[in-house]
Amino acid sequence: MPTLALLVALLLGLAFVLVPGAVAYLAYRHPNAREPLVVGIATLAAMAAIFVPIALR
């Protein structure tokens, strides 16, 4: 696997961990909005729905 592909995979993996975590933290800081775990899982599902079809091309 080329180095560029490994770098892109690493950055996407990092994004798939950090973005839902940050959104869940925001939901945790504002408890009247929603449950933090539900928000984090929904964000992860939305990211997967966007990036997986692109990666499978």
Protein backbone atom coordinates (compact mmCIF):
# COMPACT_ATOMS: atom_id res chain seq x y z
CA MET A 1 0.00 0.00 0.00
CA PRO A 2 1.45 3.38 -0.95
CA THR A 3 2.40 5.84 1.75
CA LEU A 4 -0.23 8.35 0.64
CA ALA A 5 -3.01 5.78 0.98
CA LEU A 6 -1.80 4.88 4.46
CA LEU A 7 -1.75 8.53 5.45
CA VAL A 8 -5.27 9.09 4.15
CA ALA A 9 -6.50 5.97 5.98
CA LEU A 10 -4.86 7.17 9.19
CA LEU A 11 -6.42 10.63 8.91
CA LEU A 12 -9.88 9.25 8.12
CA GLY A 13 -9.60 6.86 11.06
CA LEU A 14 -8.63 9.74 13.30
CA ALA A 15 -11.55 11.81 12.02
CA PHE A 16 -13.96 8.91 12.65
CA VAL A 17 -12.86 8.92 16.30
CA LEU A 18 -12.46 12.63 17.01
CA VAL A 19 -15.51 14.15 15.31
CA PRO A 20 -18.18 11.97 17.03
CA GLY A 21 -16.30 12.39 20.30
CA ALA A 22 -16.32 16.16 19.98
CA VAL A 23 -20.01 16.24 19.08
CA ALA A 24 -20.82 13.92 22.00
CA TYR A 25 -18.85 16.21 24.31
CA LEU A 26 -20.84 19.20 23.09
CA ALA A 27 -24.05 17.30 23.78
CA TYR A 28 -22.71 16.43 27.24
CA ARG A 29 -22.03 20.10 27.99
CA HIS A 30 -25.58 21.03 26.95
CA PRO A 31 -27.65 18.26 28.57
CA ASN A 32 -31.05 19.62 27.56
CA ALA A 33 -30.19 19.04 23.90
CA ARG A 34 -29.89 15.23 23.62
CA GLU A 35 -28.18 12.19 25.10
CA PRO A 36 -24.43 12.38 24.34
CA LEU A 37 -24.05 8.71 23.36
CA VAL A 38 -26.96 8.89 20.91
CA VAL A 39 -25.56 12.06 19.36
CA GLY A 40 -22.09 10.50 19.00
CA ILE A 41 -23.45 7.34 17.39
CA ALA A 42 -25.66 9.36 15.04
CA THR A 43 -22.67 11.47 13.99
CA LEU A 44 -20.61 8.34 13.36
CA ALA A 45 -23.43 6.84 11.29
CA ALA A 46 -23.77 10.03 9.24
CA MET A 47 -20.02 10.14 8.58
CA ALA A 48 -20.05 6.48 7.55
CA ALA A 49 -22.98 7.11 5.21
CA ILE A 50 -20.99 9.85 3.52
CA PHE A 51 -17.48 8.38 3.40
CA VAL A 52 -18.03 4.66 2.81
CA PRO A 53 -19.59 5.05 -0.67
CA ILE A 54 -16.73 7.39 -1.59
CA ALA A 55 -14.13 4.90 -0.36
CA LEU A 56 -15.72 2.01 -2.25
CA ARG A 57 -15.39 3.73 -5.62
